[in-house]
Amino acid sequence: MIRILLAATLLACGMAACTRETPAPEATSPAAATAPATAPAAAPADAATASQESTGEVAEGDDASLERLAAMPAAAELPGGRWKAGVNYQPIVPAQPTDAPAGKVEVIEIFWYGCSHCYALEPYFASWEKTKPAYIEFVRVPVMWNPVNAAHARLFYTLVALKRTDLNSKVFDEIHTRGNMLAANDDARTRQLQLAFAKANGIAEADFLREYDGFFVSTQLQRAEDLTRRYRVDATPVVYVAGKYQTDVGLAGGQAELMQLIDALAAHEKRR
């Protein structure tokens, strides 16, 4: 039964959509299930096959401060040519405030460790981070739809606090190639699974638990939840540039194309 639940969860994320109704696994040791070992490098660049993970419907009547997608003034659009508003990216109206320092352009990726399409996109972001313009302030924000998302978000921010974000790719691999979801139906079991992963990757137990239950992680989890609601995130992965533009793999036409579009949007915003 445990094997079936975990396999069904991963299959649903990989072939259709990860919704709020997707069941959380009861146990998540690597031996509990076998997940498809899809290598990121083999991910399709075709927009038709690079669909996103979706959370389903967004409630109507949310706070009026939430952004709306609407027509963008011509002066704010990218110059004519390759990228077109409404086709490759959507304007966010009104624009949302960002935390980027003066002279910087904020780029946010909303992701989930359990999302197969985020996994496929991971090596592209890892490569892009090494060569991106210095004026781009890149921020990763884990989605906060349900308890499994929140459990993965806590692990992400714990790694941030420990300055071990180099382990992000290993977390993705642990979930998508080893079948260990690093989350369970109760907090204690989830903590055990994530602590075991951390210790296996050179993090001391005391250090991990200190940050796992610490103020920084709690604060960042609240911020992630607020941002997920404010941007009305309904799919992952999704990218927001300067609080003004929204795009994703499908709109851009592929993973490599998304990286190029992010650079173009950020450069346009920098020149304004």
Protein backbone atom coordinates (compact mmCIF):
# COMPACT_ATOMS: atom_id res chain seq x y z
CA MET A 1 0.00 0.00 0.00
CA ILE A 2 2.82 2.39 0.87
CA ARG A 3 4.55 1.60 -2.42
CA ILE A 4 1.35 2.27 -4.37
CA LEU A 5 0.68 5.60 -2.65
CA LEU A 6 4.17 6.96 -3.29
CA ALA A 7 4.33 5.71 -6.87
CA ALA A 8 0.90 7.20 -7.59
CA THR A 9 1.99 10.55 -6.17
CA LEU A 10 5.11 10.72 -8.34
CA LEU A 11 3.23 9.50 -11.41
CA ALA A 12 0.57 12.16 -10.97
CA CYS A 13 3.22 14.86 -10.76
CA GLY A 14 5.10 13.58 -13.76
CA MET A 15 2.28 12.97 -16.20
CA ALA A 16 -0.51 15.36 -15.32
CA ALA A 17 -0.57 17.96 -12.56
CA CYS A 18 0.30 18.20 -8.89
CA THR A 19 -2.90 19.45 -7.32
CA ARG A 20 -3.84 20.25 -3.75
CA GLU A 21 -5.62 16.91 -3.72
CA THR A 22 -2.47 14.90 -4.53
CA PRO A 23 -2.05 12.46 -1.60
CA ALA A 24 1.02 12.78 0.58
CA PRO A 25 3.14 9.61 0.83
CA GLU A 26 2.85 7.63 4.05
CA ALA A 27 6.52 6.66 4.01
CA THR A 28 9.29 7.78 1.80
CA SER A 29 12.41 5.70 2.15
CA PRO A 30 14.18 4.95 -1.15
CA ALA A 31 13.09 1.32 -0.82
CA ALA A 32 9.43 2.26 -0.49
CA ALA A 33 8.89 2.94 -4.17
CA THR A 34 10.60 3.17 -7.51
CA ALA A 35 10.29 6.49 -9.31
CA PRO A 36 11.09 7.12 -12.97
CA ALA A 37 14.76 8.09 -13.26
CA THR A 38 14.37 10.85 -15.79
CA ALA A 39 17.61 12.76 -16.20
CA PRO A 40 17.24 16.54 -16.37
CA ALA A 41 19.44 16.73 -19.47
CA ALA A 42 16.92 14.68 -21.38
CA ALA A 43 14.07 17.06 -20.63
CA PRO A 44 12.20 18.14 -23.79
CA ALA A 45 12.71 21.69 -24.98
CA ASP A 46 9.48 21.59 -26.96
CA ALA A 47 6.95 23.87 -25.30
CA ALA A 48 4.19 21.38 -26.01
CA THR A 49 5.88 18.74 -23.87
CA ALA A 50 7.23 21.06 -21.19
CA SER A 51 3.93 21.49 -19.38
CA GLN A 52 3.84 22.77 -15.82
CA GLU A 53 2.73 21.31 -12.54
CA SER A 54 -0.59 22.91 -11.60
CA THR A 55 -2.31 23.35 -8.27
CA GLY A 56 -5.78 23.73 -9.75
CA GLU A 57 -8.21 26.57 -9.20
CA VAL A 58 -7.52 29.93 -7.59
CA ALA A 59 -10.21 31.26 -5.32
CA GLU A 60 -12.12 34.27 -6.59
CA GLY A 61 -12.43 37.45 -4.57
CA ASP A 62 -8.90 37.50 -3.16
CA ASP A 63 -7.50 40.73 -1.78
CA ALA A 64 -7.65 43.60 -4.28
CA SER A 65 -3.90 44.14 -3.95
CA LEU A 66 -3.28 40.90 -5.85
CA GLU A 67 -1.89 41.36 -9.30
CA ARG A 68 -4.00 41.08 -12.40
CA LEU A 69 -2.77 40.11 -15.82
CA ALA A 70 -3.75 42.87 -18.23
CA ALA A 71 -2.60 44.76 -21.28
CA MET A 72 0.79 46.41 -20.84
CA PRO A 73 1.47 49.91 -22.15
CA ALA A 74 3.46 49.73 -25.37
CA ALA A 75 6.35 51.67 -23.81
CA ALA A 76 6.78 48.96 -21.18
CA GLU A 77 6.89 46.05 -23.63
CA LEU A 78 10.06 44.50 -24.97
CA PRO A 79 11.12 46.04 -28.27
CA GLY A 80 9.70 44.26 -31.30
CA GLY A 81 11.18 41.03 -32.49
CA ARG A 82 11.45 37.69 -30.81
CA TRP A 83 9.53 38.07 -27.53
CA LYS A 84 5.94 39.30 -27.45
CA ALA A 85 3.71 40.32 -24.55
CA GLY A 86 0.72 38.04 -24.19
CA VAL A 87 2.53 35.31 -26.10
CA ASN A 88 5.88 34.72 -24.40
CA TYR A 89 5.27 36.62 -21.18
CA GLN A 90 2.38 38.20 -19.34
CA PRO A 91 2.39 41.65 -17.76
CA ILE A 92 1.50 41.88 -14.07
CA VAL A 93 -0.82 44.81 -13.42
CA PRO A 94 -0.45 46.38 -10.98
CA ALA A 95 3.25 45.61 -10.64
CA GLN A 96 4.27 43.98 -7.37
CA PRO A 97 6.92 45.38 -5.00
CA THR A 98 10.26 43.57 -4.91
CA ASP A 99 13.05 43.25 -2.38
CA ALA A 100 15.84 43.86 -4.88
CA PRO A 101 18.49 46.41 -3.82
CA ALA A 102 18.82 49.63 -5.82
CA GLY A 103 20.24 48.95 -9.27
CA LYS A 104 19.21 45.29 -9.19
CA VAL A 105 16.42 43.49 -11.05
CA GLU A 106 14.66 40.75 -9.08
CA VAL A 107 14.01 37.41 -10.76
CA ILE A 108 11.90 34.95 -8.76
CA GLU A 109 11.46 31.27 -9.57
CA ILE A 110 8.54 29.62 -7.80
CA PHE A 111 9.29 25.90 -7.57
CA TRP A 112 8.62 22.67 -5.72
CA TYR A 113 11.18 19.93 -5.12
CA GLY A 114 8.53 17.33 -6.00
CA CYS A 115 7.65 18.92 -9.36
CA SER A 116 9.04 16.92 -12.27
CA HIS A 117 9.17 20.00 -14.49
CA CYS A 118 11.09 21.97 -11.84
CA TYR A 119 13.50 19.03 -11.77
CA ALA A 120 13.90 19.19 -15.53
CA LEU A 121 14.53 22.95 -15.33
CA GLU A 122 17.04 22.74 -12.45
CA PRO A 123 20.22 22.26 -14.53
CA TYR A 124 19.28 25.22 -16.73
CA PHE A 125 18.95 27.52 -13.72
CA ALA A 126 22.14 26.10 -12.20
CA SER A 127 24.05 26.93 -15.38
CA TRP A 128 22.38 30.33 -15.81
CA GLU A 129 23.23 31.37 -12.26
CA LYS A 130 26.94 31.10 -13.09
CA THR A 131 26.71 33.47 -16.06
CA LYS A 132 23.73 35.74 -15.34
CA PRO A 133 24.32 39.51 -15.35
CA ALA A 134 25.45 40.87 -12.00
CA TYR A 135 22.44 43.19 -11.81
CA ILE A 136 20.01 40.25 -11.61
CA GLU A 137 19.00 39.37 -8.05
CA PHE A 138 17.87 35.74 -8.34
CA VAL A 139 15.54 34.43 -5.65
CA ARG A 140 14.09 30.95 -5.38
CA VAL A 141 10.80 30.64 -3.53
CA PRO A 142 9.23 27.24 -2.73
CA VAL A 143 5.49 27.01 -3.35
CA MET A 144 3.24 26.62 -0.30
CA TRP A 145 0.07 24.90 -1.52
CA ASN A 146 -0.16 22.00 0.93
CA PRO A 147 1.66 20.24 3.80
CA VAL A 148 4.02 18.31 1.51
CA ASN A 149 5.02 21.56 -0.25
CA ALA A 150 5.52 23.19 3.15
CA ALA A 151 7.70 20.29 4.34
CA HIS A 152 9.92 20.63 1.28
CA ALA A 153 9.97 24.41 1.72
CA ARG A 154 11.25 23.98 5.30
CA LEU A 155 14.06 21.77 4.00
CA PHE A 156 14.93 24.33 1.32
CA TYR A 157 15.18 27.23 3.78
CA THR A 158 17.12 25.10 6.24
CA LEU A 159 19.70 24.50 3.51
CA VAL A 160 19.70 28.24 2.75
CA ALA A 161 20.34 29.01 6.43
CA LEU A 162 23.19 26.50 6.50
CA LYS A 163 24.64 27.92 3.25
CA ARG A 164 24.24 24.49 1.65
CA THR A 165 22.11 25.36 -1.38
CA ASP A 166 24.64 23.32 -3.34
CA LEU A 167 22.51 20.38 -2.16
CA ASN A 168 19.43 21.51 -4.10
CA SER A 169 20.27 19.26 -7.04
CA LYS A 170 20.78 16.34 -4.64
CA VAL A 171 17.36 16.96 -3.09
CA PHE A 172 15.81 16.81 -6.56
CA ASP A 173 17.72 13.61 -7.31
CA GLU A 174 16.71 12.06 -4.00
CA ILE A 175 13.06 12.60 -4.82
CA HIS A 176 12.96 11.96 -8.56
CA THR A 177 15.57 9.26 -9.09
CA ARG A 178 15.63 7.49 -5.72
CA GLY A 179 11.94 7.68 -4.92
CA ASN A 180 12.51 9.23 -1.49
CA MET A 181 9.98 12.06 -1.20
CA LEU A 182 11.61 13.43 1.97
CA ALA A 183 8.14 13.96 3.41
CA ALA A 184 5.62 11.82 5.26
CA ASN A 185 2.17 12.00 6.80
CA ASP A 186 3.49 13.25 10.13
CA ASP A 187 5.98 15.94 11.05
CA ALA A 188 8.18 13.65 13.15
CA ARG A 189 8.71 11.19 10.31
CA THR A 190 9.35 14.03 7.86
CA ARG A 191 11.96 15.47 10.21
CA GLN A 192 13.68 12.07 10.44
CA LEU A 193 13.79 11.66 6.68
CA GLN A 194 15.16 15.14 6.07
CA LEU A 195 17.67 14.89 8.91
CA ALA A 196 18.94 11.57 7.52
CA PHE A 197 19.41 13.22 4.13
CA ALA A 198 21.28 16.15 5.69
CA LYS A 199 23.60 13.91 7.73
CA ALA A 200 24.32 11.78 4.66
CA ASN A 201 25.49 14.97 2.97
CA GLY A 202 27.84 16.19 5.66
CA ILE A 203 25.56 18.36 7.82
CA ALA A 204 25.82 17.91 11.58
CA GLU A 205 22.59 16.94 13.31
CA ALA A 206 22.78 19.78 15.83
CA ASP A 207 23.32 22.36 13.08
CA PHE A 208 20.47 21.02 10.98
CA LEU A 209 17.94 20.94 13.84
CA ARG A 210 18.97 24.39 15.07
CA GLU A 211 18.13 25.97 11.72
CA TYR A 212 15.21 23.64 10.95
CA ASP A 213 13.34 24.99 13.99
CA GLY A 214 14.90 28.44 13.91
CA PHE A 215 13.58 31.95 13.43
CA PHE A 216 15.05 32.44 9.95
CA VAL A 217 13.32 29.38 8.51
CA SER A 218 9.97 30.25 10.15
CA THR A 219 10.17 33.79 8.80
CA GLN A 220 11.04 32.66 5.29
CA LEU A 221 8.21 30.12 5.27
CA GLN A 222 5.74 32.89 6.10
CA ARG A 223 7.24 35.08 3.39
CA ALA A 224 6.95 32.26 0.85
CA GLU A 225 3.31 31.70 1.75
CA ASP A 226 2.56 35.41 1.46
CA LEU A 227 4.30 35.64 -1.91
CA THR A 228 2.56 32.51 -3.24
CA ARG A 229 -0.78 34.09 -2.36
CA ARG A 230 0.10 37.57 -3.58
CA TYR A 231 1.20 36.35 -7.00
CA ARG A 232 -1.72 33.89 -7.07
CA VAL A 233 0.62 31.09 -8.06
CA ASP A 234 -1.29 28.21 -9.66
CA ALA A 235 1.53 26.30 -11.37
CA THR A 236 5.21 25.46 -11.02
CA PRO A 237 7.74 26.27 -12.26
CA VAL A 238 6.87 29.90 -12.90
CA VAL A 239 9.11 32.98 -13.12
CA TYR A 240 8.45 36.60 -12.16
CA VAL A 241 10.77 39.38 -13.33
CA ALA A 242 10.90 42.75 -11.53
CA GLY A 243 7.39 42.17 -10.17
CA LYS A 244 6.14 43.15 -13.63
CA TYR A 245 6.41 40.12 -15.88
CA GLN A 246 5.31 36.49 -15.56
CA THR A 247 6.56 33.68 -17.77
CA ASP A 248 7.26 29.96 -17.81
CA VAL A 249 8.71 27.18 -19.93
CA GLY A 250 5.61 26.80 -22.07
CA LEU A 251 5.30 30.51 -22.87
CA ALA A 252 9.00 30.85 -23.63
CA GLY A 253 9.07 27.78 -25.87
CA GLY A 254 11.48 25.61 -23.88
CA GLN A 255 13.91 25.55 -20.97
CA ALA A 256 16.83 27.19 -22.80
CA GLU A 257 14.47 29.76 -24.29
CA LEU A 258 13.16 30.63 -20.83
CA MET A 259 16.66 31.53 -19.69
CA GLN A 260 17.07 33.80 -22.71
CA LEU A 261 13.71 35.44 -22.12
CA ILE A 262 14.53 36.10 -18.46
CA ASP A 263 17.73 37.86 -19.54
CA ALA A 264 15.82 39.93 -22.11
CA LEU A 265 13.13 41.00 -19.63
CA ALA A 266 15.69 41.82 -16.95
CA ALA A 267 17.83 43.82 -19.40
CA HIS A 268 14.78 45.75 -20.57
CA GLU A 269 13.85 46.57 -17.00
CA LYS A 270 17.43 47.57 -16.18
CA ARG A 271 17.46 50.09 -19.05
CA ARG A 272 14.20 51.71 -18.00
